Amino acid sequence: MCALLALLLPVALSAGPSRAATDLSFESAALVNEGSLHFLEAAPAKTVHHHQNHILIDRDSLDSGWVSLTQCHDHLDAVPLAQITFREGFIRNLKVETAVHIEEAWIEGASVQLRNVEPGARLCLSAQTRAFHDTGNGYYNLTNGPYMRKFLDGYYPMQVTLEIRYPAELLNLIDVTPPAQPGFALDEHPGFIRVDTLFEGELQTLIQFEKP
């Protein structure tokens, strides 16, 4: 599954460069990370964009690969134009559920287009996404990302919360990548997984299951 955050980049939540440059210049250049991935143990002084994914894996997902997705974005960057782009052929029934402090939000193919995003904006979407993969011999994986908040050649801090519900009678959790560590908190019990992370760079997660 892919729903990326950046500034007018392909497969990303993006923003027009002129206004975006002005908005992001208010954040210290020291906050921009050019490395691939760096987890943050402490939150920056300024509120950062918070990307939340709630995923439901059901019995049909094991055969079809499709899972239900609710996705919300809080503290979006204030920009005149933005887009969230999903991978063609891997998203269906995409809908805008909530758009607050956003003048206009509409679906265009496998993307959500935004106009005049104001400070404090919140956006919530719903969809089905083909992100659950049967890797054979009773093994499955769920892929997410990459998540990023990028401007020009640098990355800004971003918070991601990922909640996954799955049928515990049909699947056992094997592994979560990256593993739990400072800046990447993991909570799991049968049927439920929650990840909370704050980072700079590009984050991808891989969650592996097996049939009991």
Protein backbone atom coordinates (compact mmCIF):
# COMPACT_ATOMS: atom_id res chain seq x y z
CA MET A 1 0.00 0.00 0.00
CA CYS A 2 1.26 3.43 -0.86
CA ALA A 3 0.13 6.91 0.13
CA LEU A 4 3.10 9.16 0.33
CA LEU A 5 3.67 12.61 1.75
CA ALA A 6 6.00 15.12 0.09
CA LEU A 7 5.82 18.33 -1.92
CA LEU A 8 4.53 17.98 -5.51
CA LEU A 9 6.36 14.73 -6.14
CA PRO A 10 4.98 11.65 -7.91
CA VAL A 11 3.20 9.17 -5.65
CA ALA A 12 3.08 11.70 -2.84
CA LEU A 13 1.07 14.20 -0.94
CA SER A 14 2.51 17.25 -2.61
CA ALA A 15 2.38 20.99 -2.72
CA GLY A 16 3.09 23.71 -5.23
CA PRO A 17 6.73 24.78 -4.85
CA SER A 18 6.42 28.56 -4.51
CA ARG A 19 4.02 28.68 -1.55
CA ALA A 20 5.44 25.52 -0.01
CA ALA A 21 8.93 27.00 0.02
CA THR A 22 7.59 29.96 1.97
CA ASP A 23 5.72 27.82 4.50
CA LEU A 24 8.49 25.32 5.15
CA SER A 25 11.15 28.03 5.41
CA PHE A 26 9.67 28.89 8.81
CA GLU A 27 11.01 25.55 10.06
CA SER A 28 14.69 25.55 10.91
CA ALA A 29 16.97 24.11 8.27
CA ALA A 30 18.40 22.00 11.07
CA LEU A 31 15.14 20.00 11.01
CA VAL A 32 15.76 18.79 7.48
CA ASN A 33 17.30 15.34 7.26
CA GLU A 34 18.91 14.12 4.05
CA GLY A 35 19.49 10.57 5.30
CA SER A 36 17.30 7.61 4.40
CA LEU A 37 15.67 7.03 7.82
CA HIS A 38 16.24 8.41 11.30
CA PHE A 39 13.91 7.72 14.24
CA LEU A 40 13.34 10.58 16.70
CA GLU A 41 13.10 9.92 20.43
CA ALA A 42 11.74 13.40 21.20
CA ALA A 43 9.17 15.38 19.28
CA PRO A 44 10.23 18.67 17.66
CA ALA A 45 8.98 21.88 19.24
CA LYS A 46 6.67 22.50 16.29
CA THR A 47 3.70 20.19 15.68
CA VAL A 48 4.46 17.83 12.80
CA HIS A 49 2.26 16.17 10.22
CA HIS A 50 0.53 13.10 11.68
CA HIS A 51 -0.39 10.31 9.24
CA GLN A 52 -2.78 7.66 10.62
CA ASN A 53 -3.69 4.38 8.93
CA HIS A 54 -6.32 1.99 10.27
CA ILE A 55 -6.31 -1.32 8.38
CA LEU A 56 -8.75 -4.21 8.66
CA ILE A 57 -7.70 -7.64 7.39
CA ASP A 58 -10.67 -10.00 7.17
CA ARG A 59 -11.22 -13.59 6.05
CA ASP A 60 -11.65 -12.55 2.41
CA SER A 61 -8.31 -10.71 2.47
CA LEU A 62 -6.45 -14.03 2.63
CA ASP A 63 -7.80 -14.93 -0.81
CA SER A 64 -8.17 -11.52 -2.47
CA GLY A 65 -5.34 -9.48 -0.98
CA TRP A 66 -7.71 -6.53 -0.44
CA VAL A 67 -7.91 -4.87 2.99
CA SER A 68 -10.07 -2.01 4.27
CA LEU A 69 -8.28 1.28 4.93
CA THR A 70 -9.18 4.42 6.84
CA GLN A 71 -6.49 7.07 6.54
CA CYS A 72 -6.32 10.47 8.27
CA HIS A 73 -3.85 13.34 8.03
CA ASP A 74 -3.55 15.99 10.75
CA HIS A 75 -1.38 19.14 10.75
CA LEU A 76 -0.94 19.19 6.99
CA ASP A 77 1.41 21.81 5.57
CA ALA A 78 -0.42 24.96 4.45
CA VAL A 79 -0.09 24.97 0.65
CA PRO A 80 -2.19 26.08 -2.35
CA LEU A 81 -2.20 22.70 -4.13
CA ALA A 82 -1.53 19.18 -2.90
CA GLN A 83 -2.19 15.58 -3.85
CA ILE A 84 -2.15 12.14 -2.27
CA THR A 85 -1.39 9.51 -4.86
CA PHE A 86 -1.96 5.77 -4.52
CA ARG A 87 -0.59 3.05 -6.76
CA GLU A 88 -2.80 2.44 -9.79
CA GLY A 89 -4.54 -0.93 -9.64
CA PHE A 90 -3.96 -1.29 -5.90
CA ILE A 91 -6.69 1.06 -4.65
CA ARG A 92 -10.48 1.02 -5.09
CA ASN A 93 -13.57 2.69 -3.59
CA LEU A 94 -11.46 5.73 -2.65
CA LYS A 95 -13.54 8.39 -0.87
CA VAL A 96 -12.95 11.65 0.98
CA GLU A 97 -14.67 11.30 4.37
CA THR A 98 -13.52 14.51 6.10
CA ALA A 99 -11.83 17.69 4.88
CA VAL A 100 -11.39 20.48 7.44
CA HIS A 101 -9.63 23.77 6.63
CA ILE A 102 -9.25 22.58 3.03
CA GLU A 103 -11.12 24.61 0.41
CA GLU A 104 -11.64 21.67 -1.94
CA ALA A 105 -10.80 17.95 -1.92
CA TRP A 106 -11.73 15.58 -4.72
CA ILE A 107 -10.89 12.16 -6.17
CA GLU A 108 -9.03 12.01 -9.45
CA GLY A 109 -8.21 8.46 -10.55
CA ALA A 110 -6.00 6.88 -7.89
CA SER A 111 -5.33 10.23 -6.22
CA VAL A 112 -6.89 12.79 -3.89
CA GLN A 113 -6.42 16.38 -5.05
CA LEU A 114 -6.44 19.25 -2.54
CA ARG A 115 -6.79 22.99 -3.06
CA ASN A 116 -5.92 25.72 -0.54
CA VAL A 117 -4.84 23.71 2.47
CA GLU A 118 -4.91 25.98 5.53
CA PRO A 119 -3.08 25.70 8.88
CA GLY A 120 -4.66 23.05 11.11
CA ALA A 121 -6.09 21.12 8.17
CA ARG A 122 -7.41 17.59 8.65
CA LEU A 123 -8.17 15.08 5.90
CA CYS A 124 -9.65 11.59 6.24
CA LEU A 125 -10.07 9.03 3.46
CA SER A 126 -11.53 5.56 3.14
CA ALA A 127 -10.67 2.91 0.56
CA GLN A 128 -9.79 -0.68 -0.09
CA THR A 129 -6.18 -1.37 -0.91
CA ARG A 130 -4.46 -4.48 -2.27
CA ALA A 131 -1.64 -4.62 0.27
CA PHE A 132 -1.95 -8.14 1.74
CA HIS A 133 0.23 -10.65 -0.06
CA ASP A 134 0.13 -14.46 -0.06
CA THR A 135 3.80 -15.46 -0.21
CA GLY A 136 3.06 -19.21 -0.28
CA ASN A 137 3.14 -22.13 2.15
CA GLY A 138 0.72 -20.43 4.55
CA TYR A 139 2.71 -17.20 4.87
CA TYR A 140 1.44 -13.65 4.25
CA ASN A 141 2.77 -10.14 4.51
CA LEU A 142 1.34 -6.64 4.74
CA THR A 143 3.43 -3.83 3.27
CA ASN A 144 3.02 -0.12 4.02
CA GLY A 145 4.81 2.98 2.77
CA PRO A 146 7.10 4.50 2.01
CA TYR A 147 5.98 7.32 4.29
CA MET A 148 7.82 10.62 3.93
CA ARG A 149 7.53 14.37 4.28
CA LYS A 150 9.96 15.77 1.77
CA PHE A 151 10.82 19.18 0.39
CA LEU A 152 13.43 19.58 -2.35
CA ASP A 153 16.33 17.33 -1.28
CA GLY A 154 15.57 17.11 2.44
CA TYR A 155 13.17 15.37 4.80
CA TYR A 156 11.18 16.91 7.62
CA PRO A 157 9.94 15.15 10.78
CA MET A 158 6.75 13.12 10.42
CA GLN A 159 4.59 11.08 12.80
CA VAL A 160 2.91 7.86 11.68
CA THR A 161 0.38 5.78 13.60
CA LEU A 162 -0.53 2.42 12.10
CA GLU A 163 -3.28 0.22 13.57
CA ILE A 164 -4.01 -3.20 12.10
CA ARG A 165 -6.80 -5.58 13.05
CA TYR A 166 -6.72 -9.15 11.77
CA PRO A 167 -8.56 -12.45 12.46
CA ALA A 168 -6.49 -14.06 15.23
CA GLU A 169 -8.14 -17.43 14.57
CA LEU A 170 -6.77 -17.38 11.00
CA LEU A 171 -3.40 -15.65 11.34
CA ASN A 172 -0.45 -15.53 13.72
CA LEU A 173 1.91 -12.57 13.74
CA ILE A 174 5.51 -13.57 12.98
CA ASP A 175 7.47 -10.34 12.68
CA VAL A 176 7.31 -6.56 12.30
CA THR A 177 9.99 -4.64 10.41
CA PRO A 178 11.48 -2.28 11.54
CA PRO A 179 11.66 -3.76 15.04
CA ALA A 180 10.61 -1.84 18.16
CA GLN A 181 13.23 0.74 19.17
CA PRO A 182 13.40 4.30 20.51
CA GLY A 183 11.22 6.39 18.22
CA PHE A 184 9.37 3.31 16.90
CA ALA A 185 6.90 1.97 19.49
CA LEU A 186 5.16 -1.35 18.88
CA ASP A 187 2.16 -2.77 20.74
CA GLU A 188 0.65 -6.09 19.72
CA HIS A 189 -1.64 -8.80 20.97
CA PRO A 190 -3.61 -11.46 19.07
CA GLY A 191 -5.73 -9.75 16.45
CA PHE A 192 -4.22 -6.28 16.90
CA ILE A 193 -1.02 -4.39 16.05
CA ARG A 194 -0.25 -0.72 16.72
CA VAL A 195 2.83 1.20 15.61
CA ASP A 196 3.59 4.77 16.72
CA THR A 197 6.67 6.37 15.24
CA LEU A 198 8.31 9.75 14.76
CA PHE A 199 11.02 9.96 12.13
CA GLU A 200 12.80 11.80 9.34
CA GLY A 201 13.43 10.16 5.97
CA GLU A 202 11.54 7.36 4.23
CA LEU A 203 9.80 4.67 6.27
CA GLN A 204 8.51 1.35 4.96
CA THR A 205 6.98 -1.33 7.17
CA LEU A 206 6.68 -5.07 6.58
CA ILE A 207 4.40 -7.18 8.79
CA GLN A 208 4.55 -10.95 8.37
CA PHE A 209 1.91 -13.52 9.30
CA GLU A 210 1.40 -17.27 9.06
CA LYS A 211 -1.61 -19.55 9.28
CA PRO A 212 -1.84 -21.40 12.62
